[in-house]
Amino acid sequence: MAEAGTYPTATASVSDFASAAQTQLKAAGVDTGMMATRAGELQRMLRDEIASRPFQALAVAAAIGFLYGLRR
């Protein structure tokens, strides 16, 4: 079990990393707002697709897991 003082440090560390990554992406000319919008759209599309075909999604996940297991 983690100590009580470790969570804020980890959260701050992740927050600092995300902020630095966003700054670097913006400096490189990447529109992070558009990236977030597209990521949200992709998430909704995947959720809807999985909800409409749950058994096919499960079969695909199992096949990917099997192939991953073969490579190890």
PDB file of N, CA and C in Angstrom:
ATOM      1  N   MET A   1       0.850  -1.175   0.000  1.00  0.00           N
ATOM      2  CA  MET A   1       0.000   0.000   0.000  1.00  0.00           C
ATOM      3  C   MET A   1       0.894   1.235   0.000  1.00  0.00           C
ATOM      4  N   ALA A   2       0.543   2.222  -0.767  1.00  0.00           N
ATOM      5  CA  ALA A   2       1.340   3.434  -0.865  1.00  0.00           C
ATOM      6  C   ALA A   2       1.103   4.319   0.355  1.00  0.00           C
ATOM      7  N   GLU A   3       2.120   5.075   0.683  1.00  0.00           N
ATOM      8  CA  GLU A   3       1.991   6.000   1.804  1.00  0.00           C
ATOM      9  C   GLU A   3       1.130   7.186   1.391  1.00  0.00           C
ATOM     10  N   ALA A   4       0.581   7.863   2.381  1.00  0.00           N
ATOM     11  CA  ALA A   4      -0.336   8.969   2.112  1.00  0.00           C
ATOM     12  C   ALA A   4       0.317  10.094   1.325  1.00  0.00           C
ATOM     13  N   GLY A   5       1.604  10.333   1.492  1.00  0.00           N
ATOM     14  CA  GLY A   5       2.266  11.457   0.844  1.00  0.00           C
ATOM     15  C   GLY A   5       2.705  11.186  -0.579  1.00  0.00           C
ATOM     16  N   THR A   6       2.579   9.959  -1.081  1.00  0.00           N
ATOM     17  CA  THR A   6       3.104   9.649  -2.409  1.00  0.00           C
ATOM     18  C   THR A   6       2.158  10.042  -3.535  1.00  0.00           C
ATOM     19  N   TYR A   7       0.860  10.092  -3.296  1.00  0.00           N
ATOM     20  CA  TYR A   7      -0.075  10.394  -4.373  1.00  0.00           C
ATOM     21  C   TYR A   7       0.033  11.812  -4.901  1.00  0.00           C
ATOM     22  N   PRO A   8       0.103  12.840  -4.072  1.00  0.00           N
ATOM     23  CA  PRO A   8       0.227  14.197  -4.629  1.00  0.00           C
ATOM     24  C   PRO A   8       1.500  14.374  -5.455  1.00  0.00           C
ATOM     25  N   THR A   9       2.581  13.741  -5.040  1.00  0.00           N
ATOM     26  CA  THR A   9       3.834  13.850  -5.782  1.00  0.00           C
ATOM     27  C   THR A   9       3.692  13.203  -7.154  1.00  0.00           C
ATOM     28  N   ALA A  10       3.093  12.032  -7.202  1.00  0.00           N
ATOM     29  CA  ALA A  10       2.908  11.353  -8.483  1.00  0.00           C
ATOM     30  C   ALA A  10       1.982  12.153  -9.383  1.00  0.00           C
ATOM     31  N   THR A  11       0.920  12.692  -8.823  1.00  0.00           N
ATOM     32  CA  THR A  11      -0.019  13.491  -9.603  1.00  0.00           C
ATOM     33  C   THR A  11       0.649  14.747 -10.136  1.00  0.00           C
ATOM     34  N   ALA A  12       1.430  15.398  -9.298  1.00  0.00           N
ATOM     35  CA  ALA A  12       2.147  16.599  -9.730  1.00  0.00           C
ATOM     36  C   ALA A  12       3.157  16.255 -10.809  1.00  0.00           C
ATOM     37  N   SER A  13       3.817  15.126 -10.674  1.00  0.00           N
ATOM     38  CA  SER A  13       4.809  14.709 -11.656  1.00  0.00           C
ATOM     39  C   SER A  13       4.158  14.463 -13.014  1.00  0.00           C
ATOM     40  N   VAL A  14       3.037  13.781 -13.027  1.00  0.00           N
ATOM     41  CA  VAL A  14       2.316  13.518 -14.272  1.00  0.00           C
ATOM     42  C   VAL A  14       1.812  14.820 -14.867  1.00  0.00           C
ATOM     43  N   SER A  15       1.305  15.693 -14.028  1.00  0.00           N
ATOM     44  CA  SER A  15       0.810  16.978 -14.495  1.00  0.00           C
ATOM     45  C   SER A  15       1.937  17.809 -15.111  1.00  0.00           C
ATOM     46  N   ASP A  16       3.090  17.813 -14.464  1.00  0.00           N
ATOM     47  CA  ASP A  16       4.243  18.537 -15.004  1.00  0.00           C
ATOM     48  C   ASP A  16       4.680  17.955 -16.345  1.00  0.00           C
ATOM     49  N   PHE A  17       4.686  16.623 -16.450  1.00  0.00           N
ATOM     50  CA  PHE A  17       5.074  15.964 -17.691  1.00  0.00           C
ATOM     51  C   PHE A  17       4.100  16.312 -18.811  1.00  0.00           C
ATOM     52  N   ALA A  18       2.795  16.278 -18.513  1.00  0.00           N
ATOM     53  CA  ALA A  18       1.788  16.597 -19.524  1.00  0.00           C
ATOM     54  C   ALA A  18       1.907  18.046 -19.971  1.00  0.00           C
ATOM     55  N   SER A  19       2.154  18.926 -19.035  1.00  0.00           N
ATOM     56  CA  SER A  19       2.311  20.339 -19.372  1.00  0.00           C
ATOM     57  C   SER A  19       3.534  20.558 -20.259  1.00  0.00           C
ATOM     58  N   ALA A  20       4.635  19.902 -19.933  1.00  0.00           N
ATOM     59  CA  ALA A  20       5.849  20.028 -20.741  1.00  0.00           C
ATOM     60  C   ALA A  20       5.640  19.461 -22.140  1.00  0.00           C
ATOM     61  N   ALA A  21       4.948  18.330 -22.234  1.00  0.00           N
ATOM     62  CA  ALA A  21       4.688  17.731 -23.540  1.00  0.00           C
ATOM     63  C   ALA A  21       3.808  18.646 -24.384  1.00  0.00           C
ATOM     64  N   GLN A  22       2.796  19.238 -23.765  1.00  0.00           N
ATOM     65  CA  GLN A  22       1.913  20.145 -24.496  1.00  0.00           C
ATOM     66  C   GLN A  22       2.680  21.366 -24.989  1.00  0.00           C
ATOM     67  N   THR A  23       3.560  21.896 -24.165  1.00  0.00           N
ATOM     68  CA  THR A  23       4.370  23.048 -24.551  1.00  0.00           C
ATOM     69  C   THR A  23       5.267  22.713 -25.739  1.00  0.00           C
ATOM     70  N   GLN A  24       5.891  21.545 -25.701  1.00  0.00           N
ATOM     71  CA  GLN A  24       6.768  21.129 -26.796  1.00  0.00           C
ATOM     72  C   GLN A  24       5.986  20.893 -28.081  1.00  0.00           C
ATOM     73  N   LEU A  25       4.810  20.294 -27.968  1.00  0.00           N
ATOM     74  CA  LEU A  25       3.985  20.072 -29.158  1.00  0.00           C
ATOM     75  C   LEU A  25       3.552  21.392 -29.775  1.00  0.00           C
ATOM     76  N   LYS A  26       3.137  22.336 -28.945  1.00  0.00           N
ATOM     77  CA  LYS A  26       2.738  23.647 -29.466  1.00  0.00           C
ATOM     78  C   LYS A  26       3.916  24.366 -30.111  1.00  0.00           C
ATOM     79  N   ALA A  27       5.101  24.221 -29.525  1.00  0.00           N
ATOM     80  CA  ALA A  27       6.298  24.839 -30.100  1.00  0.00           C
ATOM     81  C   ALA A  27       6.629  24.232 -31.463  1.00  0.00           C
ATOM     82  N   ALA A  28       6.276  22.962 -31.650  1.00  0.00           N
ATOM     83  CA  ALA A  28       6.523  22.294 -32.926  1.00  0.00           C
ATOM     84  C   ALA A  28       5.424  22.581 -33.942  1.00  0.00           C
ATOM     85  N   GLY A  29       4.398  23.334 -33.535  1.00  0.00           N
ATOM     86  CA  GLY A  29       3.338  23.702 -34.455  1.00  0.00           C
ATOM     87  C   GLY A  29       2.170  22.733 -34.479  1.00  0.00           C
ATOM     88  N   VAL A  30       2.067  21.881 -33.478  1.00  0.00           N
ATOM     89  CA  VAL A  30       0.978  20.913 -33.416  1.00  0.00           C
ATOM     90  C   VAL A  30      -0.203  21.540 -32.681  1.00  0.00           C
ATOM     91  N   ASP A  31      -1.378  21.413 -33.257  1.00  0.00           N
ATOM     92  CA  ASP A  31      -2.592  21.947 -32.647  1.00  0.00           C
ATOM     93  C   ASP A  31      -3.115  20.919 -31.648  1.00  0.00           C
ATOM     94  N   THR A  32      -2.790  21.122 -30.369  1.00  0.00           N
ATOM     95  CA  THR A  32      -3.176  20.155 -29.337  1.00  0.00           C
ATOM     96  C   THR A  32      -4.678  20.138 -29.108  1.00  0.00           C
ATOM     97  N   GLY A  33      -5.347  21.238 -29.357  1.00  0.00           N
ATOM     98  CA  GLY A  33      -6.803  21.257 -29.236  1.00  0.00           C
ATOM     99  C   GLY A  33      -7.458  20.340 -30.257  1.00  0.00           C
ATOM    100  N   MET A  34      -6.947  20.355 -31.472  1.00  0.00           N
ATOM    101  CA  MET A  34      -7.470  19.481 -32.529  1.00  0.00           C
ATOM    102  C   MET A  34      -7.164  18.023 -32.196  1.00  0.00           C
ATOM    103  N   MET A  35      -5.986  17.768 -31.631  1.00  0.00           N
ATOM    104  CA  MET A  35      -5.633  16.403 -31.238  1.00  0.00           C
ATOM    105  C   MET A  35      -6.605  15.886 -30.181  1.00  0.00           C
ATOM    106  N   ALA A  36      -6.942  16.716 -29.222  1.00  0.00           N
ATOM    107  CA  ALA A  36      -7.871  16.307 -28.163  1.00  0.00           C
ATOM    108  C   ALA A  36      -9.257  16.047 -28.740  1.00  0.00           C
ATOM    109  N   THR A  37      -9.677  16.875 -29.675  1.00  0.00           N
ATOM    110  CA  THR A  37     -10.986  16.695 -30.310  1.00  0.00           C
ATOM    111  C   THR A  37     -11.030  15.377 -31.071  1.00  0.00           C
ATOM    112  N   ARG A  38      -9.996  15.104 -31.839  1.00  0.00           N
ATOM    113  CA  ARG A  38      -9.965  13.865 -32.625  1.00  0.00           C
ATOM    114  C   ARG A  38      -9.862  12.634 -31.731  1.00  0.00           C
ATOM    115  N   ALA A  39      -9.114  12.752 -30.642  1.00  0.00           N
ATOM    116  CA  ALA A  39      -9.016  11.631 -29.703  1.00  0.00           C
ATOM    117  C   ALA A  39     -10.376  11.337 -29.086  1.00  0.00           C
ATOM    118  N   GLY A  40     -11.129  12.376 -28.768  1.00  0.00           N
ATOM    119  CA  GLY A  40     -12.481  12.197 -28.234  1.00  0.00           C
ATOM    120  C   GLY A  40     -13.406  11.549 -29.241  1.00  0.00           C
ATOM    121  N   GLU A  41     -13.289  11.968 -30.499  1.00  0.00           N
ATOM    122  CA  GLU A  41     -14.097  11.378 -31.559  1.00  0.00           C
ATOM    123  C   GLU A  41     -13.762   9.902 -31.739  1.00  0.00           C
ATOM    124  N   LEU A  42     -12.473   9.574 -31.704  1.00  0.00           N
ATOM    125  CA  LEU A  42     -12.044   8.188 -31.841  1.00  0.00           C
ATOM    126  C   LEU A  42     -12.559   7.350 -30.679  1.00  0.00           C
ATOM    127  N   GLN A  43     -12.494   7.894 -29.483  1.00  0.00           N
ATOM    128  CA  GLN A  43     -12.988   7.179 -28.313  1.00  0.00           C
ATOM    129  C   GLN A  43     -14.485   6.885 -28.446  1.00  0.00           C
ATOM    130  N   ARG A  44     -15.271   7.871 -28.869  1.00  0.00           N
ATOM    131  CA  ARG A  44     -16.705   7.666 -29.048  1.00  0.00           C
ATOM    132  C   ARG A  44     -16.990   6.629 -30.140  1.00  0.00           C
ATOM    133  N   MET A  45     -16.231   6.697 -31.231  1.00  0.00           N
ATOM    134  CA  MET A  45     -16.420   5.749 -32.326  1.00  0.00           C
ATOM    135  C   MET A  45     -16.128   4.320 -31.852  1.00  0.00           C
ATOM    136  N   LEU A  46     -15.026   4.141 -31.127  1.00  0.00           N
ATOM    137  CA  LEU A  46     -14.686   2.814 -30.626  1.00  0.00           C
ATOM    138  C   LEU A  46     -15.732   2.301 -29.641  1.00  0.00           C
ATOM    139  N   ARG A  47     -16.190   3.165 -28.745  1.00  0.00           N
ATOM    140  CA  ARG A  47     -17.202   2.767 -27.773  1.00  0.00           C
ATOM    141  C   ARG A  47     -18.477   2.322 -28.484  1.00  0.00           C
ATOM    142  N   ASP A  48     -18.914   3.085 -29.489  1.00  0.00           N
ATOM    143  CA  ASP A  48     -20.125   2.740 -30.222  1.00  0.00           C
ATOM    144  C   ASP A  48     -19.953   1.442 -31.000  1.00  0.00           C
ATOM    145  N   GLU A  49     -18.796   1.256 -31.593  1.00  0.00           N
ATOM    146  CA  GLU A  49     -18.526   0.046 -32.374  1.00  0.00           C
ATOM    147  C   GLU A  49     -18.510  -1.189 -31.477  1.00  0.00           C
ATOM    148  N   ILE A  50     -17.882  -1.077 -30.322  1.00  0.00           N
ATOM    149  CA  ILE A  50     -17.831  -2.196 -29.379  1.00  0.00           C
ATOM    150  C   ILE A  50     -19.219  -2.497 -28.837  1.00  0.00           C
ATOM    151  N   ALA A  51     -20.001  -1.467 -28.563  1.00  0.00           N
ATOM    152  CA  ALA A  51     -21.365  -1.673 -28.058  1.00  0.00           C
ATOM    153  C   ALA A  51     -22.253  -2.340 -29.099  1.00  0.00           C
ATOM    154  N   SER A  52     -22.040  -2.043 -30.365  1.00  0.00           N
ATOM    155  CA  SER A  52     -22.881  -2.626 -31.405  1.00  0.00           C
ATOM    156  C   SER A  52     -22.470  -4.052 -31.762  1.00  0.00           C
ATOM    157  N   ARG A  53     -21.214  -4.422 -31.528  1.00  0.00           N
ATOM    158  CA  ARG A  53     -20.728  -5.775 -31.852  1.00  0.00           C
ATOM    159  C   ARG A  53     -19.821  -6.305 -30.740  1.00  0.00           C
ATOM    160  N   PRO A  54     -20.364  -6.596 -29.578  1.00  0.00           N
ATOM    161  CA  PRO A  54     -19.517  -6.983 -28.447  1.00  0.00           C
ATOM    162  C   PRO A  54     -18.755  -8.294 -28.656  1.00  0.00           C
ATOM    163  N   PHE A  55     -19.378  -9.273 -29.300  1.00  0.00           N
ATOM    164  CA  PHE A  55     -18.692 -10.556 -29.480  1.00  0.00           C
ATOM    165  C   PHE A  55     -17.555 -10.447 -30.489  1.00  0.00           C
ATOM    166  N   GLN A  56     -17.741  -9.659 -31.526  1.00  0.00           N
ATOM    167  CA  GLN A  56     -16.676  -9.450 -32.498  1.00  0.00           C
ATOM    168  C   GLN A  56     -15.518  -8.700 -31.843  1.00  0.00           C
ATOM    169  N   ALA A  57     -15.823  -7.711 -31.019  1.00  0.00           N
ATOM    170  CA  ALA A  57     -14.780  -6.967 -30.317  1.00  0.00           C
ATOM    171  C   ALA A  57     -14.006  -7.884 -29.379  1.00  0.00           C
ATOM    172  N   LEU A  58     -14.713  -8.778 -28.694  1.00  0.00           N
ATOM    173  CA  LEU A  58     -14.061  -9.729 -27.801  1.00  0.00           C
ATOM    174  C   LEU A  58     -13.165 -10.685 -28.580  1.00  0.00           C
ATOM    175  N   ALA A  59     -13.627 -11.142 -29.739  1.00  0.00           N
ATOM    176  CA  ALA A  59     -12.828 -12.041 -30.566  1.00  0.00           C
ATOM    177  C   ALA A  59     -11.557 -11.346 -31.070  1.00  0.00           C
ATOM    178  N   VAL A  60     -11.676 -10.107 -31.477  1.00  0.00           N
ATOM    179  CA  VAL A  60     -10.505  -9.355 -31.949  1.00  0.00           C
ATOM    180  C   VAL A  60      -9.509  -9.161 -30.806  1.00  0.00           C
ATOM    181  N   ALA A  61     -10.013  -8.809 -29.627  1.00  0.00           N
ATOM    182  CA  ALA A  61      -9.134  -8.622 -28.472  1.00  0.00           C
ATOM    183  C   ALA A  61      -8.437  -9.927 -28.104  1.00  0.00           C
ATOM    184  N   ALA A  62      -9.158 -11.033 -28.159  1.00  0.00           N
ATOM    185  CA  ALA A  62      -8.561 -12.333 -27.844  1.00  0.00           C
ATOM    186  C   ALA A  62      -7.485 -12.704 -28.871  1.00  0.00           C
ATOM    187  N   ALA A  63      -7.748 -12.435 -30.141  1.00  0.00           N
ATOM    188  CA  ALA A  63      -6.767 -12.743 -31.186  1.00  0.00           C
ATOM    189  C   ALA A  63      -5.503 -11.901 -31.013  1.00  0.00           C
ATOM    190  N   ILE A  64      -5.684 -10.639 -30.704  1.00  0.00           N
ATOM    191  CA  ILE A  64      -4.515  -9.769 -30.490  1.00  0.00           C
ATOM    192  C   ILE A  64      -3.737 -10.254 -29.279  1.00  0.00           C
ATOM    193  N   GLY A  65      -4.415 -10.616 -28.214  1.00  0.00           N
ATOM    194  CA  GLY A  65      -3.744 -11.137 -27.027  1.00  0.00           C
ATOM    195  C   GLY A  65      -3.005 -12.426 -27.319  1.00  0.00           C
ATOM    196  N   PHE A  66      -3.614 -13.308 -28.107  1.00  0.00           N
ATOM    197  CA  PHE A  66      -2.957 -14.567 -28.495  1.00  0.00           C
ATOM    198  C   PHE A  66      -1.696 -14.312 -29.299  1.00  0.00           C
ATOM    199  N   LEU A  67      -1.798 -13.432 -30.281  1.00  0.00           N
ATOM    200  CA  LEU A  67      -0.618 -13.114 -31.098  1.00  0.00           C
ATOM    201  C   LEU A  67       0.479 -12.455 -30.266  1.00  0.00           C
ATOM    202  N   TYR A  68       0.081 -11.601 -29.361  1.00  0.00           N
ATOM    203  CA  TYR A  68       1.063 -10.971 -28.465  1.00  0.00           C
ATOM    204  C   TYR A  68       1.751 -12.033 -27.612  1.00  0.00           C
ATOM    205  N   GLY A  69       0.979 -12.989 -27.123  1.00  0.00           N
ATOM    206  CA  GLY A  69       1.534 -14.068 -26.311  1.00  0.00           C
ATOM    207  C   GLY A  69       2.506 -14.930 -27.094  1.00  0.00           C
ATOM    208  N   LEU A  70       2.264 -15.117 -28.370  1.00  0.00           N
ATOM    209  CA  LEU A  70       3.166 -15.909 -29.207  1.00  0.00           C
ATOM    210  C   LEU A  70       4.519 -15.236 -29.392  1.00  0.00           C
ATOM    211  N   ARG A  71       4.516 -13.925 -29.406  1.00  0.00           N
ATOM    212  CA  ARG A  71       5.773 -13.176 -29.617  1.00  0.00           C
ATOM    213  C   ARG A  71       6.672 -13.183 -28.381  1.00  0.00           C
ATOM    214  N   ARG A  72       6.120 -13.443 -27.212  1.00  0.00           N
ATOM    215  CA  ARG A  72       6.897 -13.403 -25.980  1.00  0.00           C
ATOM    216  C   ARG A  72       7.622 -14.640 -25.782  1.00  0.00           C
TER     217      ARG A  72
END
